[in-house]
Amino acid sequence: MIAVYVDPTEVRQGIGTTILQHAVALARTEYEGPVRLEATLNARDFYDRAGFREIKRSAVRRNEVDVPVVVMKYDG
């Protein structure tokens, strides 16, 4: 699992989009099916704009805290 975040002071500069495009390209070198990810709720719209679609809502445990996430996939 890889977690990627952009410093809040650096948002809306294309950094997240560049990282996401690179990650999807890397995934495509080894895998032909849909790319899936777990997004935090505040990142859901970012991934939606990038072509990912929500599959379901879930939670992951981080440091003994349940964190709500959105499971998303990209077929592009």
N, C-alpha and C. Protein backbone atom coordinates (compact mmCIF):
# COMPACT_ATOMS: atom_id res chain seq x y z
N MET A 1 0.84 -1.17 0.00
CA MET A 1 0.00 0.00 0.00
C MET A 1 0.89 1.23 0.00
N ILE A 2 0.45 2.23 -0.74
CA ILE A 2 1.17 3.50 -0.80
C ILE A 2 0.18 4.61 -0.44
N ALA A 3 0.60 5.51 0.40
CA ALA A 3 -0.22 6.67 0.73
C ALA A 3 0.46 7.91 0.16
N VAL A 4 -0.30 8.73 -0.53
CA VAL A 4 0.25 9.93 -1.16
C VAL A 4 -0.59 11.13 -0.73
N TYR A 5 0.09 12.16 -0.29
CA TYR A 5 -0.57 13.39 0.12
C TYR A 5 0.20 14.57 -0.43
N VAL A 6 -0.50 15.65 -0.71
CA VAL A 6 0.14 16.90 -1.12
C VAL A 6 0.01 17.87 0.05
N ASP A 7 1.09 18.57 0.34
CA ASP A 7 1.08 19.57 1.41
C ASP A 7 -0.07 20.54 1.16
N PRO A 8 -0.90 20.78 2.17
CA PRO A 8 -2.05 21.67 1.98
C PRO A 8 -1.68 23.06 1.46
N THR A 9 -0.48 23.51 1.72
CA THR A 9 -0.08 24.82 1.22
C THR A 9 0.27 24.79 -0.26
N GLU A 10 0.32 23.60 -0.84
CA GLU A 10 0.72 23.44 -2.25
C GLU A 10 -0.40 22.91 -3.15
N VAL A 11 -1.64 22.86 -2.65
CA VAL A 11 -2.74 22.33 -3.44
C VAL A 11 -3.07 23.24 -4.61
N ARG A 12 -3.77 22.66 -5.60
CA ARG A 12 -4.23 23.37 -6.80
C ARG A 12 -3.08 23.89 -7.66
N GLN A 13 -1.98 23.14 -7.65
CA GLN A 13 -0.84 23.50 -8.49
C GLN A 13 -0.49 22.37 -9.47
N GLY A 14 -1.31 21.31 -9.49
CA GLY A 14 -1.07 20.21 -10.41
C GLY A 14 -0.17 19.11 -9.86
N ILE A 15 0.28 19.26 -8.62
CA ILE A 15 1.18 18.26 -8.04
C ILE A 15 0.47 16.93 -7.86
N GLY A 16 -0.72 16.96 -7.27
CA GLY A 16 -1.48 15.72 -7.06
C GLY A 16 -1.83 15.04 -8.37
N THR A 17 -2.23 15.82 -9.36
CA THR A 17 -2.57 15.27 -10.67
C THR A 17 -1.36 14.60 -11.31
N THR A 18 -0.21 15.23 -11.22
CA THR A 18 1.02 14.65 -11.77
C THR A 18 1.37 13.34 -11.08
N ILE A 19 1.27 13.33 -9.76
CA ILE A 19 1.56 12.10 -9.00
C ILE A 19 0.57 11.00 -9.38
N LEU A 20 -0.72 11.34 -9.46
CA LEU A 20 -1.74 10.35 -9.81
C LEU A 20 -1.52 9.80 -11.21
N GLN A 21 -1.25 10.65 -12.18
CA GLN A 21 -1.00 10.18 -13.55
C GLN A 21 0.19 9.23 -13.59
N HIS A 22 1.23 9.55 -12.87
CA HIS A 22 2.41 8.68 -12.82
C HIS A 22 2.06 7.34 -12.17
N ALA A 23 1.30 7.38 -11.07
CA ALA A 23 0.93 6.14 -10.39
C ALA A 23 0.07 5.24 -11.28
N VAL A 24 -0.88 5.83 -11.99
CA VAL A 24 -1.73 5.05 -12.90
C VAL A 24 -0.89 4.46 -14.03
N ALA A 25 0.03 5.24 -14.56
CA ALA A 25 0.92 4.73 -15.62
C ALA A 25 1.76 3.56 -15.11
N LEU A 26 2.27 3.67 -13.88
CA LEU A 26 3.03 2.55 -13.30
C LEU A 26 2.16 1.32 -13.13
N ALA A 27 0.94 1.52 -12.66
CA ALA A 27 0.02 0.38 -12.49
C ALA A 27 -0.26 -0.29 -13.82
N ARG A 28 -0.38 0.48 -14.87
CA ARG A 28 -0.68 -0.05 -16.20
C ARG A 28 0.48 -0.86 -16.79
N THR A 29 1.70 -0.68 -16.32
CA THR A 29 2.82 -1.46 -16.85
C THR A 29 2.74 -2.92 -16.40
N GLU A 30 2.02 -3.19 -15.32
CA GLU A 30 1.97 -4.55 -14.78
C GLU A 30 0.56 -5.12 -14.72
N TYR A 31 -0.45 -4.31 -15.01
CA TYR A 31 -1.83 -4.73 -14.76
C TYR A 31 -2.75 -4.05 -15.77
N GLU A 32 -3.69 -4.82 -16.33
CA GLU A 32 -4.58 -4.28 -17.36
C GLU A 32 -5.99 -3.98 -16.87
N GLY A 33 -6.35 -4.42 -15.68
CA GLY A 33 -7.71 -4.20 -15.18
C GLY A 33 -7.89 -2.83 -14.57
N PRO A 34 -9.04 -2.61 -13.93
CA PRO A 34 -9.30 -1.32 -13.30
C PRO A 34 -8.30 -1.04 -12.16
N VAL A 35 -7.93 0.20 -12.02
CA VAL A 35 -7.07 0.63 -10.92
C VAL A 35 -7.98 1.01 -9.77
N ARG A 36 -7.71 0.48 -8.58
CA ARG A 36 -8.54 0.77 -7.42
C ARG A 36 -7.73 1.50 -6.36
N LEU A 37 -8.44 2.30 -5.58
CA LEU A 37 -7.77 3.00 -4.48
C LEU A 37 -8.77 3.26 -3.37
N GLU A 38 -8.23 3.57 -2.20
CA GLU A 38 -9.03 3.99 -1.07
C GLU A 38 -8.71 5.46 -0.82
N ALA A 39 -9.69 6.33 -1.00
CA ALA A 39 -9.48 7.76 -0.83
C ALA A 39 -10.09 8.22 0.48
N THR A 40 -9.41 9.16 1.12
CA THR A 40 -10.04 9.81 2.26
C THR A 40 -11.21 10.62 1.74
N LEU A 41 -12.16 10.91 2.61
CA LEU A 41 -13.37 11.61 2.17
C LEU A 41 -13.06 12.97 1.57
N ASN A 42 -12.06 13.66 2.09
CA ASN A 42 -11.75 14.98 1.55
C ASN A 42 -11.06 14.91 0.19
N ALA A 43 -10.56 13.74 -0.23
CA ALA A 43 -9.90 13.58 -1.53
C ALA A 43 -10.83 12.98 -2.59
N ARG A 44 -12.04 12.60 -2.19
CA ARG A 44 -12.95 11.92 -3.11
C ARG A 44 -13.19 12.74 -4.38
N ASP A 45 -13.47 14.02 -4.25
CA ASP A 45 -13.77 14.85 -5.43
C ASP A 45 -12.57 14.96 -6.37
N PHE A 46 -11.36 15.01 -5.81
CA PHE A 46 -10.14 15.05 -6.63
C PHE A 46 -10.09 13.82 -7.54
N TYR A 47 -10.29 12.65 -6.95
CA TYR A 47 -10.23 11.42 -7.74
C TYR A 47 -11.41 11.32 -8.71
N ASP A 48 -12.56 11.80 -8.30
CA ASP A 48 -13.72 11.82 -9.19
C ASP A 48 -13.43 12.66 -10.44
N ARG A 49 -12.82 13.82 -10.25
CA ARG A 49 -12.46 14.67 -11.40
C ARG A 49 -11.43 14.00 -12.29
N ALA A 50 -10.63 13.10 -11.72
CA ALA A 50 -9.60 12.39 -12.50
C ALA A 50 -10.15 11.15 -13.20
N GLY A 51 -11.45 10.88 -13.05
CA GLY A 51 -12.06 9.76 -13.75
C GLY A 51 -12.31 8.52 -12.91
N PHE A 52 -11.99 8.57 -11.63
CA PHE A 52 -12.28 7.45 -10.74
C PHE A 52 -13.75 7.52 -10.33
N ARG A 53 -14.35 6.36 -10.09
CA ARG A 53 -15.75 6.29 -9.67
C ARG A 53 -15.86 5.53 -8.36
N GLU A 54 -16.73 6.02 -7.50
CA GLU A 54 -16.93 5.40 -6.19
C GLU A 54 -17.57 4.03 -6.33
N ILE A 55 -17.00 3.06 -5.63
CA ILE A 55 -17.56 1.70 -5.58
C ILE A 55 -18.34 1.51 -4.29
N LYS A 56 -17.72 1.92 -3.18
CA LYS A 56 -18.37 1.76 -1.88
C LYS A 56 -17.65 2.63 -0.84
N ARG A 57 -18.30 2.77 0.30
CA ARG A 57 -17.71 3.44 1.46
C ARG A 57 -17.24 2.36 2.42
N SER A 58 -16.15 2.63 3.09
CA SER A 58 -15.57 1.66 4.01
C SER A 58 -14.81 2.42 5.09
N ALA A 59 -13.98 1.70 5.82
CA ALA A 59 -13.11 2.32 6.83
C ALA A 59 -11.83 1.49 6.90
N VAL A 60 -10.74 2.16 7.21
CA VAL A 60 -9.46 1.49 7.44
C VAL A 60 -9.00 1.88 8.83
N ARG A 61 -8.24 1.00 9.44
CA ARG A 61 -7.76 1.26 10.80
C ARG A 61 -6.34 1.82 10.72
N ARG A 62 -6.14 3.00 11.27
CA ARG A 62 -4.84 3.65 11.30
C ARG A 62 -4.55 4.07 12.74
N ASN A 63 -3.49 3.53 13.31
CA ASN A 63 -3.11 3.88 14.69
C ASN A 63 -4.28 3.74 15.66
N GLU A 64 -4.99 2.62 15.54
CA GLU A 64 -6.13 2.29 16.40
C GLU A 64 -7.33 3.22 16.25
N VAL A 65 -7.41 3.89 15.10
CA VAL A 65 -8.54 4.77 14.79
C VAL A 65 -9.13 4.33 13.46
N ASP A 66 -10.45 4.18 13.42
CA ASP A 66 -11.12 3.87 12.15
C ASP A 66 -11.27 5.15 11.33
N VAL A 67 -10.71 5.13 10.13
CA VAL A 67 -10.75 6.28 9.23
C VAL A 67 -11.70 5.95 8.08
N PRO A 68 -12.76 6.74 7.88
CA PRO A 68 -13.66 6.46 6.75
C PRO A 68 -12.95 6.73 5.43
N VAL A 69 -13.20 5.84 4.46
CA VAL A 69 -12.61 5.98 3.13
C VAL A 69 -13.66 5.68 2.07
N VAL A 70 -13.33 6.07 0.86
CA VAL A 70 -14.16 5.76 -0.30
C VAL A 70 -13.32 4.86 -1.20
N VAL A 71 -13.82 3.67 -1.49
CA VAL A 71 -13.14 2.77 -2.42
C VAL A 71 -13.57 3.20 -3.83
N MET A 72 -12.57 3.44 -4.68
CA MET A 72 -12.83 3.96 -6.02
C MET A 72 -12.08 3.15 -7.06
N LYS A 73 -12.56 3.21 -8.31
CA LYS A 73 -11.86 2.52 -9.39
C LYS A 73 -11.81 3.39 -10.63
N TYR A 74 -10.80 3.09 -11.43
CA TYR A 74 -10.56 3.80 -12.68
C TYR A 74 -10.43 2.77 -13.79
N ASP A 75 -11.27 2.88 -14.82
CA ASP A 75 -11.24 1.92 -15.92
C ASP A 75 -10.46 2.45 -17.13
N GLY A 76 -10.12 3.72 -17.13
CA GLY A 76 -9.50 4.38 -18.28
C GLY A 76 -8.17 3.88 -18.71
